[in-house]
Amino acid sequence: MNEKKLAGERAAELVQDGMVVGLGTGSTVHYTIVKLASMVQEGLSITGIPTSKQTEVLALEHGIPLASLGEEKTIDLTIDGADELDGQLTLIKGGGGALLREKMIAYHSKQMVVVADSNKLVRQLGAFPLPVEVVPFGYQTTMAALSKLGCKATLRMNGDESFITDNQNLIVDCSFESIPSPPKLHEWLNAIPGVVENGLFIGLAEKAYIGRDGGVTIIE
C-alpha cells in the first residue's frame, strides 16, 4: 500500500464545509489536495491557502478556490507534510524549500495536522539536514555563523544555480546528525542576523497521520 496516499487522503476527511484550509507542500500532502479537489467537485465549499507556488499551481489545476495569507482572518486547519517528526510532534520541514510560508500559515492556523509515511517518524530529529532560509546579502558570513553551531552548512543548489525560495531567499541545509534540544537550537538559529527562519516546527502540530502497514496511525 502507498503509505503517503493513505495518510494524505485520511487527513482530508478532517475538512468540513466552509473551512479555510492551509494547503501544505510535498509528496504526501499532494494526495490530500487531490482528495480535497474531488470533495470540492462533489459539493464541498472550502477556501485553500497555499504554502508555496507549487501548491498554488496544483490546487488551481484541480479546481480548489484559493486565497492568500492575509485575505482570510482565520485559517481553520492546515494539512502539511514533514521531512522528520518525533513522538512529541516536533518537525523538520523545508526539504521542498517552502519552510517560511509553511511556518507562517501553520502559526496562523487554529490547528495543524501532519501527514507522512512511516519513514519520517524518528526517535530524535537530525538525520535529515535542517533547512534554514537566509537572505542573499552576506550569505557566506551567515553560513559561517551557522557552522559555529556544530553543523555542516551547505548552500542548496538547483543545478548550477543557487536554489531560490518563493520569497527570493536562499536555503542552507545544516547537517547536525542529531538535535537533542530543538527549542534551544531554534532560538540560536533565529538569533543569527541574516537567518529568516529555520525548519524546526515546535508546538505547531496537534496531530499526525502516519501511513503504516496498510493503515494509518494517529499521533496526538
Protein backbone atom coordinates (compact mmCIF):
# COMPACT_ATOMS: atom_id res chain seq x y z
CA MET A 1 0.00 0.00 0.00
CA ASN A 2 1.07 3.57 -0.67
CA GLU A 3 1.64 4.98 2.83
CA LYS A 4 1.69 8.56 1.60
CA LYS A 5 -1.63 8.16 -0.18
CA LEU A 6 -3.23 6.54 2.87
CA ALA A 7 -2.13 9.32 5.22
CA GLY A 8 -2.86 12.16 2.81
CA GLU A 9 -6.38 11.04 1.94
CA ARG A 10 -7.26 10.20 5.56
CA ALA A 11 -6.40 13.73 6.71
CA ALA A 12 -8.66 15.19 4.03
CA GLU A 13 -11.60 13.72 5.96
CA LEU A 14 -10.99 16.37 8.66
CA VAL A 15 -12.01 19.15 6.29
CA GLN A 16 -15.56 20.39 6.73
CA ASP A 17 -17.79 22.60 4.62
CA GLY A 18 -16.97 26.30 4.87
CA MET A 19 -13.43 25.83 6.18
CA VAL A 20 -10.40 27.88 5.26
CA VAL A 21 -7.66 25.29 4.80
CA GLY A 22 -3.89 25.71 4.70
CA LEU A 23 -2.60 23.54 1.87
CA GLY A 24 0.90 22.20 2.51
CA THR A 25 3.69 21.33 0.13
CA GLY A 26 5.19 17.95 -0.64
CA SER A 27 4.61 14.45 -1.96
CA THR A 28 2.26 13.27 0.83
CA VAL A 29 0.01 16.33 1.05
CA HIS A 30 -0.26 16.09 -2.74
CA TYR A 31 -2.71 13.25 -2.12
CA THR A 32 -4.63 15.41 0.37
CA ILE A 33 -5.04 18.14 -2.23
CA VAL A 34 -6.18 15.73 -4.93
CA LYS A 35 -8.69 14.17 -2.49
CA LEU A 36 -9.95 17.62 -1.46
CA ALA A 37 -10.38 18.51 -5.12
CA SER A 38 -12.68 15.51 -5.62
CA MET A 39 -14.62 16.56 -2.50
CA VAL A 40 -14.99 20.08 -3.93
CA GLN A 41 -16.32 18.63 -7.17
CA GLU A 42 -18.90 16.75 -5.09
CA GLY A 43 -20.06 20.00 -3.46
CA LEU A 44 -17.67 20.75 -0.59
CA SER A 45 -17.14 24.50 -0.17
CA ILE A 46 -13.66 25.47 1.07
CA THR A 47 -11.02 28.14 0.54
CA GLY A 48 -7.42 27.00 0.30
CA ILE A 49 -4.36 28.96 1.43
CA PRO A 50 -1.32 27.55 -0.45
CA THR A 51 2.06 27.32 1.27
CA SER A 52 4.02 27.53 -1.98
CA LYS A 53 3.72 28.47 -5.62
CA GLN A 54 3.98 24.75 -6.41
CA THR A 55 0.92 24.02 -4.27
CA GLU A 56 -0.91 27.01 -5.72
CA VAL A 57 -0.50 25.62 -9.23
CA LEU A 58 -1.60 22.13 -8.16
CA ALA A 59 -4.70 23.41 -6.34
CA LEU A 60 -5.78 25.67 -9.19
CA GLU A 61 -5.32 22.84 -11.70
CA HIS A 62 -7.69 20.75 -9.59
CA GLY A 63 -10.30 23.46 -9.13
CA ILE A 64 -9.79 24.36 -5.46
CA PRO A 65 -10.70 28.02 -4.74
CA LEU A 66 -7.73 29.89 -3.23
CA ALA A 67 -6.94 32.99 -1.22
CA SER A 68 -3.64 34.35 0.07
CA LEU A 69 -2.48 34.64 3.66
CA GLY A 70 -3.81 37.96 4.87
CA GLU A 71 -7.01 37.85 2.82
CA GLU A 72 -8.58 35.46 5.32
CA LYS A 73 -8.75 36.40 9.00
CA THR A 74 -8.78 32.79 10.22
CA ILE A 75 -7.30 29.54 8.94
CA ASP A 76 -9.32 26.67 10.40
CA LEU A 77 -6.97 23.82 9.56
CA THR A 78 -3.61 23.35 7.88
CA ILE A 79 -2.56 19.97 6.50
CA ASP A 80 1.12 19.66 5.67
CA GLY A 81 3.91 17.12 5.41
CA ALA A 82 7.19 16.73 7.28
CA ASP A 83 10.71 15.61 6.48
CA GLU A 84 11.06 14.25 10.01
CA LEU A 85 8.86 14.17 13.09
CA ASP A 86 9.24 12.76 16.58
CA GLY A 87 6.74 11.44 19.10
CA GLN A 88 6.22 14.93 20.52
CA LEU A 89 5.16 16.23 17.09
CA THR A 90 8.26 18.36 16.69
CA LEU A 91 9.05 18.57 12.98
CA ILE A 92 11.79 19.24 10.50
CA LYS A 93 10.35 20.83 7.37
CA GLY A 94 11.74 22.64 4.37
CA GLY A 95 13.01 19.83 2.17
CA GLY A 96 10.99 21.41 -0.62
CA GLY A 97 12.18 24.90 0.26
CA ALA A 98 8.81 26.28 1.41
CA LEU A 99 9.51 26.37 5.15
CA LEU A 100 8.88 30.09 5.72
CA ARG A 101 5.44 30.17 4.15
CA GLU A 102 4.62 26.79 5.70
CA LYS A 103 5.53 28.04 9.17
CA MET A 104 3.63 31.31 8.77
CA ILE A 105 0.47 29.53 7.69
CA ALA A 106 0.80 26.90 10.43
CA TYR A 107 1.29 29.63 13.04
CA HIS A 108 -1.87 31.42 11.99
CA SER A 109 -3.98 28.24 11.90
CA LYS A 110 -6.35 27.02 14.60
CA GLN A 111 -4.99 23.51 14.02
CA MET A 112 -2.11 21.93 12.10
CA VAL A 113 -2.19 18.28 11.09
CA VAL A 114 0.82 16.46 9.66
CA VAL A 115 0.67 13.74 7.02
CA ALA A 116 3.66 11.46 6.46
CA ASP A 117 4.80 7.94 5.69
CA SER A 118 6.30 5.78 8.45
CA ASN A 119 9.90 6.50 7.38
CA LYS A 120 9.52 10.11 8.55
CA LEU A 121 8.82 9.15 12.19
CA VAL A 122 12.05 9.14 14.24
CA ARG A 123 13.07 8.96 17.90
CA GLN A 124 15.31 12.03 17.63
CA LEU A 125 15.42 14.67 14.93
CA GLY A 126 18.54 15.46 12.95
CA ALA A 127 19.29 12.72 10.45
CA PHE A 128 17.57 14.89 7.86
CA PRO A 129 19.59 18.09 7.28
CA LEU A 130 17.80 21.08 8.82
CA PRO A 131 16.86 23.69 6.18
CA VAL A 132 17.49 27.32 7.13
CA GLU A 133 16.23 30.16 4.95
CA VAL A 134 18.70 33.06 4.74
CA VAL A 135 18.80 36.38 2.89
CA PRO A 136 21.20 36.52 -0.08
CA PHE A 137 23.09 39.52 1.33
CA GLY A 138 26.26 38.26 3.00
CA TYR A 139 25.04 34.68 2.97
CA GLN A 140 28.62 33.42 3.22
CA THR A 141 29.04 35.01 6.66
CA THR A 142 25.61 33.69 7.72
CA MET A 143 26.71 30.20 6.71
CA ALA A 144 29.92 30.60 8.73
CA ALA A 145 27.85 31.59 11.78
CA LEU A 146 25.60 28.58 11.26
CA SER A 147 28.63 26.28 11.11
CA LYS A 148 29.70 27.51 14.55
CA LEU A 149 26.60 25.85 15.98
CA GLY A 150 28.12 22.48 15.16
CA CYS A 151 26.67 21.63 11.78
CA LYS A 152 27.95 21.18 8.26
CA ALA A 153 26.30 24.07 6.40
CA THR A 154 25.70 23.54 2.67
CA LEU A 155 24.14 26.03 0.27
CA ARG A 156 21.25 24.35 -1.55
CA MET A 157 21.65 24.32 -5.30
CA ASN A 158 19.29 23.94 -8.22
CA GLY A 159 21.57 22.58 -10.89
CA ASP A 160 24.40 25.07 -11.35
CA GLU A 161 22.48 27.90 -9.68
CA SER A 162 21.60 28.62 -6.07
CA PHE A 163 18.16 27.38 -5.06
CA ILE A 164 15.85 30.41 -4.70
CA THR A 165 12.79 30.25 -2.45
CA ASP A 166 9.38 31.69 -3.26
CA ASN A 167 10.47 34.69 -1.15
CA GLN A 168 13.66 35.20 -3.18
CA ASN A 169 15.92 33.91 -0.39
CA LEU A 170 18.47 31.10 -0.18
CA ILE A 171 18.35 27.79 1.68
CA VAL A 172 21.27 26.47 3.74
CA ASP A 173 20.97 22.80 4.68
CA CYS A 174 22.51 22.24 8.12
CA SER A 175 23.61 18.68 8.94
CA PHE A 176 23.66 18.23 12.71
CA GLU A 177 23.22 14.41 12.66
CA SER A 178 21.19 14.71 15.87
CA ILE A 179 19.23 17.52 17.51
CA PRO A 180 18.83 16.71 21.23
CA SER A 181 17.21 20.06 22.09
CA PRO A 182 15.14 21.50 19.24
CA PRO A 183 13.89 24.55 21.26
CA LYS A 184 17.44 25.69 22.08
CA LEU A 185 18.64 25.20 18.51
CA HIS A 186 15.59 27.06 17.18
CA GLU A 187 16.46 30.03 19.40
CA TRP A 188 20.15 30.02 18.46
CA LEU A 189 19.45 29.81 14.73
CA ASN A 190 16.94 32.64 14.63
CA ALA A 191 19.24 34.87 16.67
CA ILE A 192 21.75 34.95 13.78
CA PRO A 193 21.34 38.10 11.63
CA GLY A 194 20.64 37.02 8.07
CA VAL A 195 18.57 34.00 9.10
CA VAL A 196 14.96 34.49 8.04
CA GLU A 197 13.55 31.28 9.57
CA ASN A 198 14.51 27.67 10.20
CA GLY A 199 12.78 24.37 9.52
CA LEU A 200 12.14 23.35 13.14
CA PHE A 201 8.39 23.38 13.81
CA ILE A 202 7.86 23.26 17.57
CA GLY A 203 4.45 23.30 19.22
CA LEU A 204 2.60 23.88 15.96
CA ALA A 205 1.31 20.42 15.01
CA GLU A 206 -1.50 18.95 17.09
CA LYS A 207 -1.90 15.65 15.30
CA ALA A 208 -0.11 13.46 12.75
CA TYR A 209 -1.48 10.87 10.36
CA ILE A 210 1.23 8.31 9.63
CA GLY A 211 0.75 5.80 6.83
CA ARG A 212 1.88 2.41 8.10
CA ASP A 213 1.24 -1.31 7.44
CA GLY A 214 -1.67 -0.71 5.10
CA GLY A 215 -3.39 1.67 7.51
CA VAL A 216 -2.98 4.99 9.28
CA THR A 217 -1.56 5.55 12.77
CA ILE A 218 -2.63 8.77 14.51
CA ILE A 219 -0.22 10.55 16.87
CA GLU A 220 -1.64 13.23 19.16
